[in-house]
Structures are given as C-alpha cells and as structure tokens.
Full PDB file with SEQRES, HELIX, SHEET, SSBOND, CRYST1, ORIGX, SCALE, CONECT and MASTER records, all heavy atoms in Angstrom:
SEQRES   1 A   40  GLY ARG THR THR TYR TYR ALA ASP SER VAL LYS GLY ARG          
SEQRES   2 A   40  PHE THR ILE SER ARG ASP ASN ALA LYS ASN THR VAL TYR          
SEQRES   3 A   40  LEU GLN MET ASN SER LEU LYS PRO GLU ASP THR ALA VAL          
SEQRES   4 A   40  TYR                                                          
HELIX    1 AA1 ASN A   20  LYS A   22  5                                   3    
HELIX    2 AA2 PRO A   34  ASP A   36  5                                   3    
SHEET    1 AA1 2 PHE A  14  ASP A  19  0                                        
SHEET    2 AA1 2 THR A  24  MET A  29 -1                                        
CRYST1    1.000    1.000    1.000  90.00  90.00  90.00 P 1           1          
ORIGX1      1.000000  0.000000  0.000000        0.00000                         
ORIGX2      0.000000  1.000000  0.000000        0.00000                         
ORIGX3      0.000000  0.000000  1.000000        0.00000                         
SCALE1      1.000000  0.000000  0.000000        0.00000                         
SCALE2      0.000000  1.000000  0.000000        0.00000                         
SCALE3      0.000000  0.000000  1.000000        0.00000                         
ATOM      1  N   GLY A   1      18.945  57.336 -35.816  1.00  0.00           N  
ATOM      2  CA  GLY A   1      18.158  56.432 -35.010  1.00  0.00           C  
ATOM      3  C   GLY A   1      16.832  56.995 -34.546  1.00  0.00           C  
ATOM      4  O   GLY A   1      16.195  56.412 -33.662  1.00  0.00           O  
ATOM      5  N   ARG A   2      16.404  58.105 -35.124  1.00  0.00           N  
ATOM      6  CA  ARG A   2      15.168  58.744 -34.689  1.00  0.00           C  
ATOM      7  C   ARG A   2      13.920  58.124 -35.302  1.00  0.00           C  
ATOM      8  O   ARG A   2      12.817  58.317 -34.785  1.00  0.00           O  
ATOM      9  CB  ARG A   2      15.210  60.232 -35.035  1.00  0.00           C  
ATOM     10  CG  ARG A   2      16.306  60.996 -34.311  1.00  0.00           C  
ATOM     11  CD  ARG A   2      16.417  62.410 -34.821  1.00  0.00           C  
ATOM     12  NE  ARG A   2      17.455  63.168 -34.132  1.00  0.00           N  
ATOM     13  CZ  ARG A   2      17.853  64.377 -34.476  1.00  0.00           C  
ATOM     14  NH1 ARG A   2      17.297  64.989 -35.518  1.00  0.00           N  
ATOM     15  NH2 ARG A   2      18.809  64.985 -33.785  1.00  0.00           N  
ATOM     16  N   THR A   3      14.093  57.390 -36.394  1.00  0.00           N  
ATOM     17  CA  THR A   3      12.966  56.783 -37.092  1.00  0.00           C  
ATOM     18  C   THR A   3      13.260  55.313 -37.343  1.00  0.00           C  
ATOM     19  O   THR A   3      14.363  54.961 -37.778  1.00  0.00           O  
ATOM     20  CB  THR A   3      12.698  57.490 -38.428  1.00  0.00           C  
ATOM     21  OG1 THR A   3      12.488  58.882 -38.204  1.00  0.00           O  
ATOM     22  CG2 THR A   3      11.470  56.899 -39.108  1.00  0.00           C  
ATOM     23  N   THR A   4      12.288  54.475 -37.064  1.00  0.00           N  
ATOM     24  CA  THR A   4      12.418  53.050 -37.332  1.00  0.00           C  
ATOM     25  C   THR A   4      11.183  52.531 -38.049  1.00  0.00           C  
ATOM     26  O   THR A   4      10.086  53.080 -37.907  1.00  0.00           O  
ATOM     27  CB  THR A   4      12.627  52.242 -36.046  1.00  0.00           C  
ATOM     28  OG1 THR A   4      11.525  52.479 -35.152  1.00  0.00           O  
ATOM     29  CG2 THR A   4      13.924  52.635 -35.362  1.00  0.00           C  
ATOM     30  N   TYR A   5      11.369  51.461 -38.816  1.00  0.00           N  
ATOM     31  CA  TYR A   5      10.284  50.785 -39.493  1.00  0.00           C  
ATOM     32  C   TYR A   5      10.445  49.296 -39.291  1.00  0.00           C  
ATOM     33  O   TYR A   5      11.563  48.777 -39.219  1.00  0.00           O  
ATOM     34  CB  TYR A   5      10.283  51.094 -40.993  1.00  0.00           C  
ATOM     35  CG  TYR A   5      10.023  52.538 -41.337  1.00  0.00           C  
ATOM     36  CD1 TYR A   5      11.067  53.395 -41.646  1.00  0.00           C  
ATOM     37  CD2 TYR A   5       8.726  53.039 -41.364  1.00  0.00           C  
ATOM     38  CE1 TYR A   5      10.837  54.721 -41.969  1.00  0.00           C  
ATOM     39  CE2 TYR A   5       8.489  54.362 -41.685  1.00  0.00           C  
ATOM     40  CZ  TYR A   5       9.545  55.194 -41.987  1.00  0.00           C  
ATOM     41  OH  TYR A   5       9.303  56.513 -42.311  1.00  0.00           O  
ATOM     42  N   TYR A   6       9.321  48.604 -39.219  1.00  0.00           N  
ATOM     43  CA  TYR A   6       9.332  47.169 -39.036  1.00  0.00           C  
ATOM     44  C   TYR A   6       8.322  46.507 -39.953  1.00  0.00           C  
ATOM     45  O   TYR A   6       7.259  47.071 -40.240  1.00  0.00           O  
ATOM     46  CB  TYR A   6       8.987  46.798 -37.596  1.00  0.00           C  
ATOM     47  CG  TYR A   6      10.000  47.262 -36.586  1.00  0.00           C  
ATOM     48  CD1 TYR A   6       9.843  48.474 -35.927  1.00  0.00           C  
ATOM     49  CD2 TYR A   6      11.110  46.486 -36.286  1.00  0.00           C  
ATOM     50  CE1 TYR A   6      10.768  48.906 -34.999  1.00  0.00           C  
ATOM     51  CE2 TYR A   6      12.040  46.915 -35.356  1.00  0.00           C  
ATOM     52  CZ  TYR A   6      11.868  48.121 -34.717  1.00  0.00           C  
ATOM     53  OH  TYR A   6      12.798  48.547 -33.796  1.00  0.00           O  
ATOM     54  N   ALA A   7       8.671  45.322 -40.395  1.00  0.00           N  
ATOM     55  CA  ALA A   7       7.693  44.499 -41.074  1.00  0.00           C  
ATOM     56  C   ALA A   7       6.611  44.092 -40.081  1.00  0.00           C  
ATOM     57  O   ALA A   7       6.881  43.890 -38.895  1.00  0.00           O  
ATOM     58  CB  ALA A   7       8.357  43.260 -41.671  1.00  0.00           C  
ATOM     59  N   ASP A   8       5.390  43.968 -40.569  1.00  0.00           N  
ATOM     60  CA  ASP A   8       4.287  43.588 -39.689  1.00  0.00           C  
ATOM     61  C   ASP A   8       4.545  42.253 -38.996  1.00  0.00           C  
ATOM     62  O   ASP A   8       4.129  42.049 -37.851  1.00  0.00           O  
ATOM     63  CB  ASP A   8       2.981  43.514 -40.477  1.00  0.00           C  
ATOM     64  CG  ASP A   8       2.493  44.877 -40.916  1.00  0.00           C  
ATOM     65  OD1 ASP A   8       2.921  45.888 -40.337  1.00  0.00           O  
ATOM     66  OD2 ASP A   8       1.663  44.928 -41.849  1.00  0.00           O  
ATOM     67  N   SER A   9       5.239  41.371 -39.660  1.00  0.00           N  
ATOM     68  CA  SER A   9       5.469  40.040 -39.132  1.00  0.00           C  
ATOM     69  C   SER A   9       6.406  40.020 -37.925  1.00  0.00           C  
ATOM     70  O   SER A   9       6.421  39.042 -37.176  1.00  0.00           O  
ATOM     71  CB  SER A   9       6.028  39.124 -40.222  1.00  0.00           C  
ATOM     72  OG  SER A   9       7.248  39.635 -40.735  1.00  0.00           O  
ATOM     73  N   VAL A  10       7.183  41.087 -37.735  1.00  0.00           N  
ATOM     74  CA  VAL A  10       8.149  41.111 -36.638  1.00  0.00           C  
ATOM     75  C   VAL A  10       7.892  42.227 -35.644  1.00  0.00           C  
ATOM     76  O   VAL A  10       8.534  42.258 -34.583  1.00  0.00           O  
ATOM     77  CB  VAL A  10       9.592  41.232 -37.162  1.00  0.00           C  
ATOM     78  CG1 VAL A  10       9.888  40.136 -38.175  1.00  0.00           C  
ATOM     79  CG2 VAL A  10       9.853  42.606 -37.761  1.00  0.00           C  
ATOM     80  N   LYS A  11       6.980  43.114 -35.944  1.00  0.00           N  
ATOM     81  CA  LYS A  11       6.716  44.253 -35.077  1.00  0.00           C  
ATOM     82  C   LYS A  11       6.262  43.775 -33.696  1.00  0.00           C  
ATOM     83  O   LYS A  11       5.397  42.915 -33.573  1.00  0.00           O  
ATOM     84  CB  LYS A  11       5.659  45.161 -35.696  1.00  0.00           C  
ATOM     85  CG  LYS A  11       5.595  46.537 -35.054  1.00  0.00           C  
ATOM     86  CD  LYS A  11       4.737  47.479 -35.882  1.00  0.00           C  
ATOM     87  CE  LYS A  11       4.802  48.894 -35.343  1.00  0.00           C  
ATOM     88  NZ  LYS A  11       4.028  49.835 -36.178  1.00  0.00           N  
ATOM     89  N   GLY A  12       6.869  44.346 -32.674  1.00  0.00           N  
ATOM     90  CA  GLY A  12       6.586  43.932 -31.315  1.00  0.00           C  
ATOM     91  C   GLY A  12       7.494  42.843 -30.808  1.00  0.00           C  
ATOM     92  O   GLY A  12       7.548  42.605 -29.590  1.00  0.00           O  
ATOM     93  N   ARG A  13       8.197  42.175 -31.708  1.00  0.00           N  
ATOM     94  CA  ARG A  13       9.118  41.111 -31.326  1.00  0.00           C  
ATOM     95  C   ARG A  13      10.575  41.480 -31.586  1.00  0.00           C  
ATOM     96  O   ARG A  13      11.456  41.092 -30.827  1.00  0.00           O  
ATOM     97  CB  ARG A  13       8.790  39.818 -32.077  1.00  0.00           C  
ATOM     98  CG  ARG A  13       7.397  39.281 -31.807  1.00  0.00           C  
ATOM     99  CD  ARG A  13       7.207  37.904 -32.425  1.00  0.00           C  
ATOM    100  NE  ARG A  13       7.350  37.940 -33.877  1.00  0.00           N  
ATOM    101  CZ  ARG A  13       8.254  37.243 -34.567  1.00  0.00           C  
ATOM    102  NH1 ARG A  13       9.110  36.452 -33.919  1.00  0.00           N  
ATOM    103  NH2 ARG A  13       8.304  37.326 -35.888  1.00  0.00           N  
ATOM    104  N   PHE A  14      10.816  42.198 -32.665  1.00  0.00           N  
ATOM    105  CA  PHE A  14      12.176  42.584 -33.050  1.00  0.00           C  
ATOM    106  C   PHE A  14      12.396  44.069 -32.775  1.00  0.00           C  
ATOM    107  O   PHE A  14      11.469  44.882 -32.883  1.00  0.00           O  
ATOM    108  CB  PHE A  14      12.415  42.334 -34.537  1.00  0.00           C  
ATOM    109  CG  PHE A  14      12.468  40.885 -34.944  1.00  0.00           C  
ATOM    110  CD1 PHE A  14      12.116  39.871 -34.076  1.00  0.00           C  
ATOM    111  CD2 PHE A  14      12.883  40.555 -36.222  1.00  0.00           C  
ATOM    112  CE1 PHE A  14      12.161  38.539 -34.460  1.00  0.00           C  
ATOM    113  CE2 PHE A  14      12.938  39.234 -36.624  1.00  0.00           C  
ATOM    114  CZ  PHE A  14      12.580  38.222 -35.747  1.00  0.00           C  
ATOM    115  N   THR A  15      13.629  44.423 -32.470  1.00  0.00           N  
ATOM    116  CA  THR A  15      14.001  45.809 -32.257  1.00  0.00           C  
ATOM    117  C   THR A  15      15.310  46.103 -32.973  1.00  0.00           C  
ATOM    118  O   THR A  15      16.304  45.413 -32.752  1.00  0.00           O  
ATOM    119  CB  THR A  15      14.161  46.139 -30.768  1.00  0.00           C  
ATOM    120  OG1 THR A  15      12.942  45.861 -30.069  1.00  0.00           O  
ATOM    121  CG2 THR A  15      14.509  47.610 -30.582  1.00  0.00           C  
ATOM    122  N   ILE A  16      15.297  47.114 -33.824  1.00  0.00           N  
ATOM    123  CA  ILE A  16      16.515  47.546 -34.487  1.00  0.00           C  
ATOM    124  C   ILE A  16      17.086  48.743 -33.738  1.00  0.00           C  
ATOM    125  O   ILE A  16      16.342  49.615 -33.283  1.00  0.00           O  
ATOM    126  CB  ILE A  16      16.266  47.881 -35.976  1.00  0.00           C  
ATOM    127  CG1 ILE A  16      17.596  48.147 -36.692  1.00  0.00           C  
ATOM    128  CG2 ILE A  16      15.309  49.053 -36.127  1.00  0.00           C  
ATOM    129  CD1 ILE A  16      17.458  48.270 -38.203  1.00  0.00           C  
ATOM    130  N   SER A  17      18.381  48.785 -33.601  1.00  0.00           N  
ATOM    131  CA  SER A  17      19.044  49.895 -32.939  1.00  0.00           C  
ATOM    132  C   SER A  17      20.424  50.085 -33.544  1.00  0.00           C  
ATOM    133  O   SER A  17      20.902  49.233 -34.293  1.00  0.00           O  
ATOM    134  CB  SER A  17      19.144  49.653 -31.426  1.00  0.00           C  
ATOM    135  OG  SER A  17      19.908  48.494 -31.145  1.00  0.00           O  
ATOM    136  N   ARG A  18      21.043  51.203 -33.229  1.00  0.00           N  
ATOM    137  CA  ARG A  18      22.377  51.450 -33.755  1.00  0.00           C  
ATOM    138  C   ARG A  18      23.208  52.211 -32.743  1.00  0.00           C  
ATOM    139  O   ARG A  18      22.690  52.954 -31.907  1.00  0.00           O  
ATOM    140  CB  ARG A  18      22.309  52.209 -35.084  1.00  0.00           C  
ATOM    141  CG  ARG A  18      21.775  53.632 -34.990  1.00  0.00           C  
ATOM    142  CD  ARG A  18      21.479  54.198 -36.374  1.00  0.00           C  
ATOM    143  NE  ARG A  18      22.673  54.240 -37.213  1.00  0.00           N  
ATOM    144  CZ  ARG A  18      22.669  54.407 -38.531  1.00  0.00           C  
ATOM    145  NH1 ARG A  18      21.502  54.525 -39.173  1.00  0.00           N  
ATOM    146  NH2 ARG A  18      23.805  54.448 -39.212  1.00  0.00           N  
ATOM    147  N   ASP A  19      24.501  52.019 -32.836  1.00  0.00           N  
ATOM    148  CA  ASP A  19      25.467  52.726 -32.020  1.00  0.00           C  
ATOM    149  C   ASP A  19      26.498  53.289 -32.985  1.00  0.00           C  
ATOM    150  O   ASP A  19      27.431  52.594 -33.386  1.00  0.00           O  
ATOM    151  CB  ASP A  19      26.109  51.801 -30.998  1.00  0.00           C  
ATOM    152  CG  ASP A  19      27.016  52.534 -30.031  1.00  0.00           C  
ATOM    153  OD1 ASP A  19      27.466  53.648 -30.346  1.00  0.00           O  
ATOM    154  OD2 ASP A  19      27.286  51.989 -28.943  1.00  0.00           O  
ATOM    155  N   ASN A  20      26.310  54.537 -33.368  1.00  0.00           N  
ATOM    156  CA  ASN A  20      27.173  55.126 -34.383  1.00  0.00           C  
ATOM    157  C   ASN A  20      28.614  55.292 -33.903  1.00  0.00           C  
ATOM    158  O   ASN A  20      29.544  55.272 -34.710  1.00  0.00           O  
ATOM    159  CB  ASN A  20      26.611  56.474 -34.824  1.00  0.00           C  
ATOM    160  CG  ASN A  20      25.336  56.328 -35.619  1.00  0.00           C  
ATOM    161  OD1 ASN A  20      25.062  55.271 -36.189  1.00  0.00           O  
ATOM    162  ND2 ASN A  20      24.533  57.384 -35.673  1.00  0.00           N  
ATOM    163  N   ALA A  21      28.795  55.465 -32.609  1.00  0.00           N  
ATOM    164  CA  ALA A  21      30.146  55.576 -32.069  1.00  0.00           C  
ATOM    165  C   ALA A  21      30.932  54.289 -32.277  1.00  0.00           C  
ATOM    166  O   ALA A  21      32.158  54.315 -32.389  1.00  0.00           O  
ATOM    167  CB  ALA A  21      30.101  55.941 -30.591  1.00  0.00           C  
ATOM    168  N   LYS A  22      30.227  53.167 -32.322  1.00  0.00           N  
ATOM    169  CA  LYS A  22      30.854  51.869 -32.522  1.00  0.00           C  
ATOM    170  C   LYS A  22      30.688  51.345 -33.944  1.00  0.00           C  
ATOM    171  O   LYS A  22      31.141  50.237 -34.243  1.00  0.00           O  
ATOM    172  CB  LYS A  22      30.295  50.852 -31.536  1.00  0.00           C  
ATOM    173  CG  LYS A  22      30.589  51.171 -30.084  1.00  0.00           C  
ATOM    174  CD  LYS A  22      30.039  50.091 -29.169  1.00  0.00           C  
ATOM    175  CE  LYS A  22      30.377  50.375 -27.722  1.00  0.00           C  
ATOM    176  NZ  LYS A  22      29.844  49.323 -26.815  1.00  0.00           N  
ATOM    177  N   ASN A  23      30.031  52.114 -34.796  1.00  0.00           N  
ATOM    178  CA  ASN A  23      29.778  51.695 -36.175  1.00  0.00           C  
ATOM    179  C   ASN A  23      29.072  50.345 -36.236  1.00  0.00           C  
ATOM    180  O   ASN A  23      29.466  49.443 -36.985  1.00  0.00           O  
ATOM    181  CB  ASN A  23      31.085  51.641 -36.971  1.00  0.00           C  
ATOM    182  CG  ASN A  23      31.609  53.016 -37.321  1.00  0.00           C  
ATOM    183  OD1 ASN A  23      30.924  54.022 -37.166  1.00  0.00           O  
ATOM    184  ND2 ASN A  23      32.842  53.062 -37.805  1.00  0.00           N  
ATOM    185  N   THR A  24      28.034  50.220 -35.441  1.00  0.00           N  
ATOM    186  CA  THR A  24      27.306  48.961 -35.387  1.00  0.00           C  
ATOM    187  C   THR A  24      25.799  49.193 -35.418  1.00  0.00           C  
ATOM    188  O   THR A  24      25.306  50.228 -34.975  1.00  0.00           O  
ATOM    189  CB  THR A  24      27.637  48.156 -34.122  1.00  0.00           C  
ATOM    190  OG1 THR A  24      27.391  48.960 -32.963  1.00  0.00           O  
ATOM    191  CG2 THR A  24      29.091  47.713 -34.124  1.00  0.00           C  
ATOM    192  N   VAL A  25      25.098  48.224 -35.955  1.00  0.00           N  
ATOM    193  CA  VAL A  25      23.647  48.192 -35.910  1.00  0.00           C  
ATOM    194  C   VAL A  25      23.240  46.819 -35.402  1.00  0.00           C  
ATOM    195  O   VAL A  25      23.907  45.820 -35.699  1.00  0.00           O  
ATOM    196  CB  VAL A  25      23.025  48.512 -37.288  1.00  0.00           C  
ATOM    197  CG1 VAL A  25      23.442  47.477 -38.329  1.00  0.00           C  
ATOM    198  CG2 VAL A  25      21.513  48.604 -37.187  1.00  0.00           C  
ATOM    199  N   TYR A  26      22.163  46.775 -34.647  1.00  0.00           N  
ATOM    200  CA  TYR A  26      21.742  45.547 -34.006  1.00  0.00           C  
ATOM    201  C   TYR A  26      20.316  45.187 -34.396  1.00  0.00           C  
ATOM    202  O   TYR A  26      19.512  46.049 -34.738  1.00  0.00           O  
ATOM    203  CB  TYR A  26      21.803  45.679 -32.485  1.00  0.00           C  
ATOM    204  CG  TYR A  26      23.137  46.127 -31.955  1.00  0.00           C  
ATOM    205  CD1 TYR A  26      23.385  47.467 -31.702  1.00  0.00           C  
ATOM    206  CD2 TYR A  26      24.152  45.205 -31.708  1.00  0.00           C  
ATOM    207  CE1 TYR A  26      24.607  47.885 -31.216  1.00  0.00           C  
ATOM    208  CE2 TYR A  26      25.376  45.616 -31.219  1.00  0.00           C  
ATOM    209  CZ  TYR A  26      25.601  46.956 -30.971  1.00  0.00           C  
ATOM    210  OH  TYR A  26      26.819  47.372 -30.484  1.00  0.00           O  
ATOM    211  N   LEU A  27      20.027  43.926 -34.304  1.00  0.00           N  
ATOM    212  CA  LEU A  27      18.655  43.455 -34.426  1.00  0.00           C  
ATOM    213  C   LEU A  27      18.404  42.493 -33.276  1.00  0.00           C  
ATOM    214  O   LEU A  27      18.898  41.365 -33.287  1.00  0.00           O  
ATOM    215  CB  LEU A  27      18.409  42.758 -35.765  1.00  0.00           C  
ATOM    216  CG  LEU A  27      16.965  42.321 -36.007  1.00  0.00           C  
ATOM    217  CD1 LEU A  27      16.056  43.542 -36.166  1.00  0.00           C  
ATOM    218  CD2 LEU A  27      16.862  41.422 -37.238  1.00  0.00           C  
ATOM    219  N   GLN A  28      17.665  42.968 -32.292  1.00  0.00           N  
ATOM    220  CA  GLN A  28      17.285  42.127 -31.171  1.00  0.00           C  
ATOM    221  C   GLN A  28      16.016  41.383 -31.543  1.00  0.00           C  
ATOM    222  O   GLN A  28      14.992  42.003 -31.836  1.00  0.00           O  
ATOM    223  CB  GLN A  28      17.058  42.972 -29.917  1.00  0.00           C  
ATOM    224  CG  GLN A  28      16.616  42.171 -28.703  1.00  0.00           C  
ATOM    225  CD  GLN A  28      17.685  41.216 -28.217  1.00  0.00           C  
ATOM    226  OE1 GLN A  28      18.838  41.587 -28.090  1.00  0.00           O  
ATOM    227  NE2 GLN A  28      17.290  39.975 -27.959  1.00  0.00           N  
ATOM    228  N   MET A  29      16.069  40.073 -31.522  1.00  0.00           N  
ATOM    229  CA  MET A  29      14.953  39.240 -31.930  1.00  0.00           C  
ATOM    230  C   MET A  29      14.466  38.443 -30.731  1.00  0.00           C  
ATOM    231  O   MET A  29      15.198  37.621 -30.182  1.00  0.00           O  
ATOM    232  CB  MET A  29      15.360  38.301 -33.068  1.00  0.00           C  
ATOM    233  CG  MET A  29      15.948  39.021 -34.275  1.00  0.00           C  
ATOM    234  SD  MET A  29      16.325  37.900 -35.652  1.00  0.00           S  
ATOM    235  CE  MET A  29      17.647  36.941 -34.912  1.00  0.00           C  
ATOM    236  N   ASN A  30      13.240  38.698 -30.335  1.00  0.00           N  
ATOM    237  CA  ASN A  30      12.621  38.006 -29.219  1.00  0.00           C  
ATOM    238  C   ASN A  30      11.420  37.208 -29.699  1.00  0.00           C  
ATOM    239  O   ASN A  30      10.891  37.443 -30.782  1.00  0.00           O  
ATOM    240  CB  ASN A  30      12.185  38.998 -28.141  1.00  0.00           C  
ATOM    241  CG  ASN A  30      13.328  39.778 -27.547  1.00  0.00           C  
ATOM    242  OD1 ASN A  30      14.442  39.267 -27.412  1.00  0.00           O  
ATOM    243  ND2 ASN A  30      13.063  41.026 -27.172  1.00  0.00           N  
ATOM    244  N   SER A  31      10.986  36.282 -28.873  1.00  0.00           N  
ATOM    245  CA  SER A  31       9.822  35.450 -29.191  1.00  0.00           C  
ATOM    246  C   SER A  31       9.930  34.859 -30.588  1.00  0.00           C  
ATOM    247  O   SER A  31       8.994  34.912 -31.391  1.00  0.00           O  
ATOM    248  CB  SER A  31       8.534  36.264 -29.050  1.00  0.00           C  
ATOM    249  OG  SER A  31       8.392  36.773 -27.744  1.00  0.00           O  
ATOM    250  N   LEU A  32      11.061  34.289 -30.872  1.00  0.00           N  
ATOM    251  CA  LEU A  32      11.323  33.785 -32.214  1.00  0.00           C  
ATOM    252  C   LEU A  32      10.400  32.630 -32.580  1.00  0.00           C  
ATOM    253  O   LEU A  32      10.037  31.807 -31.736  1.00  0.00           O  
ATOM    254  CB  LEU A  32      12.777  33.349 -32.331  1.00  0.00           C  
ATOM    255  CG  LEU A  32      13.766  34.503 -32.490  1.00  0.00           C  
ATOM    256  CD1 LEU A  32      15.179  34.049 -32.179  1.00  0.00           C  
ATOM    257  CD2 LEU A  32      13.693  35.065 -33.909  1.00  0.00           C  
ATOM    258  N   LYS A  33      10.047  32.599 -33.851  1.00  0.00           N  
ATOM    259  CA  LYS A  33       9.170  31.586 -34.398  1.00  0.00           C  
ATOM    260  C   LYS A  33       9.900  30.821 -35.490  1.00  0.00           C  
ATOM    261  O   LYS A  33      10.831  31.351 -36.102  1.00  0.00           O  
ATOM    262  CB  LYS A  33       7.915  32.228 -34.994  1.00  0.00           C  
ATOM    263  CG  LYS A  33       7.141  33.116 -34.040  1.00  0.00           C  
ATOM    264  CD  LYS A  33       5.995  33.798 -34.766  1.00  0.00           C  
ATOM    265  CE  LYS A  33       5.219  34.706 -33.844  1.00  0.00           C  
ATOM    266  NZ  LYS A  33       4.116  35.397 -34.562  1.00  0.00           N  
ATOM    267  N   PRO A  34       9.479  29.598 -35.773  1.00  0.00           N  
ATOM    268  CA  PRO A  34      10.103  28.871 -36.887  1.00  0.00           C  
ATOM    269  C   PRO A  34      10.034  29.635 -38.204  1.00  0.00           C  
ATOM    270  O   PRO A  34      10.939  29.497 -39.033  1.00  0.00           O  
ATOM    271  CB  PRO A  34       9.285  27.576 -36.953  1.00  0.00           C  
ATOM    272  CG  PRO A  34       8.822  27.367 -35.559  1.00  0.00           C  
ATOM    273  CD  PRO A  34       8.543  28.755 -35.027  1.00  0.00           C  
ATOM    274  N   GLU A  35       9.003  30.440 -38.386  1.00  0.00           N  
ATOM    275  CA  GLU A  35       8.859  31.238 -39.597  1.00  0.00           C  
ATOM    276  C   GLU A  35       9.941  32.305 -39.737  1.00  0.00           C  
ATOM    277  O   GLU A  35      10.097  32.876 -40.813  1.00  0.00           O  
ATOM    278  CB  GLU A  35       7.484  31.915 -39.639  1.00  0.00           C  
ATOM    279  CG  GLU A  35       6.321  30.964 -39.480  1.00  0.00           C  
ATOM    280  CD  GLU A  35       5.875  30.845 -38.030  1.00  0.00           C  
ATOM    281  OE1 GLU A  35       6.443  29.997 -37.314  1.00  0.00           O  
ATOM    282  OE2 GLU A  35       4.961  31.593 -37.630  1.00  0.00           O  
ATOM    283  N   ASP A  36      10.660  32.583 -38.663  1.00  0.00           N  
ATOM    284  CA  ASP A  36      11.751  33.547 -38.713  1.00  0.00           C  
ATOM    285  C   ASP A  36      13.033  32.954 -39.279  1.00  0.00           C  
ATOM    286  O   ASP A  36      14.005  33.686 -39.483  1.00  0.00           O  
ATOM    287  CB  ASP A  36      12.034  34.108 -37.320  1.00  0.00           C  
ATOM    288  CG  ASP A  36      10.861  34.896 -36.758  1.00  0.00           C  
ATOM    289  OD1 ASP A  36      10.241  35.664 -37.518  1.00  0.00           O  
ATOM    290  OD2 ASP A  36      10.576  34.735 -35.550  1.00  0.00           O  
ATOM    291  N   THR A  37      13.047  31.662 -39.498  1.00  0.00           N  
ATOM    292  CA  THR A  37      14.230  31.008 -40.036  1.00  0.00           C  
ATOM    293  C   THR A  37      14.565  31.570 -41.412  1.00  0.00           C  
ATOM    294  O   THR A  37      13.729  31.565 -42.317  1.00  0.00           O  
ATOM    295  CB  THR A  37      14.013  29.497 -40.130  1.00  0.00           C  
ATOM    296  OG1 THR A  37      13.852  28.960 -38.812  1.00  0.00           O  
ATOM    297  CG2 THR A  37      15.197  28.819 -40.801  1.00  0.00           C  
ATOM    298  N   ALA A  38      15.780  32.064 -41.557  1.00  0.00           N  
ATOM    299  CA  ALA A  38      16.203  32.687 -42.803  1.00  0.00           C  
ATOM    300  C   ALA A  38      17.657  33.104 -42.680  1.00  0.00           C  
ATOM    301  O   ALA A  38      18.241  33.081 -41.593  1.00  0.00           O  
ATOM    302  CB  ALA A  38      15.340  33.910 -43.131  1.00  0.00           C  
ATOM    303  N   VAL A  39      18.225  33.497 -43.805  1.00  0.00           N  
ATOM    304  CA  VAL A  39      19.497  34.186 -43.796  1.00  0.00           C  
ATOM    305  C   VAL A  39      19.201  35.668 -43.634  1.00  0.00           C  
ATOM    306  O   VAL A  39      18.419  36.232 -44.400  1.00  0.00           O  
ATOM    307  CB  VAL A  39      20.303  33.941 -45.083  1.00  0.00           C  
ATOM    308  CG1 VAL A  39      21.593  34.753 -45.074  1.00  0.00           C  
ATOM    309  CG2 VAL A  39      20.613  32.454 -45.230  1.00  0.00           C  
ATOM    310  N   TYR A  40      19.808  36.292 -42.657  1.00  0.00           N  
ATOM    311  CA  TYR A  40      19.575  37.693 -42.366  1.00  0.00           C  
ATOM    312  C   TYR A  40      20.719  38.542 -42.898  1.00  0.00           C  
ATOM    313  O   TYR A  40      21.891  38.235 -42.665  1.00  0.00           O  
ATOM    314  CB  TYR A  40      19.415  37.909 -40.861  1.00  0.00           C  
ATOM    315  CG  TYR A  40      18.068  37.470 -40.352  1.00  0.00           C  
ATOM    316  CD1 TYR A  40      17.734  36.123 -40.288  1.00  0.00           C  
ATOM    317  CD2 TYR A  40      17.120  38.411 -39.947  1.00  0.00           C  
ATOM    318  CE1 TYR A  40      16.486  35.720 -39.841  1.00  0.00           C  
ATOM    319  CE2 TYR A  40      15.876  38.014 -39.496  1.00  0.00           C  
ATOM    320  CZ  TYR A  40      15.561  36.672 -39.441  1.00  0.00           C  
ATOM    321  OH  TYR A  40      14.323  36.275 -38.990  1.00  0.00           O  
TER     322      TYR A  40                                                      
MASTER        0    0    0    2    2    0    0    6  321    1    0    4          
END                                                                             
C-alpha cells in the first residue's frame, strides 16, 4: 500500500486502499459523475 496510481479522470475523487489483514481492497468513490457509470 505504499504506492498508488490513479487515472486522470478519477484522481482527487477516488481513493484505493487495502487491508491485508482482512484480504480486502477498497475503492472509495466520491463526487461521482454519470461518466463513472461502468462495470467495475
């Protein structure tokens, strides 16, 4: 979790994080736009 990368279209709005103890990764999406509509 020391390095992250973001697409320009989501930078500043989305945050990726992980919790290895729980074997999970998250994508927090804020300020969502209709253009974000997709299968993730």
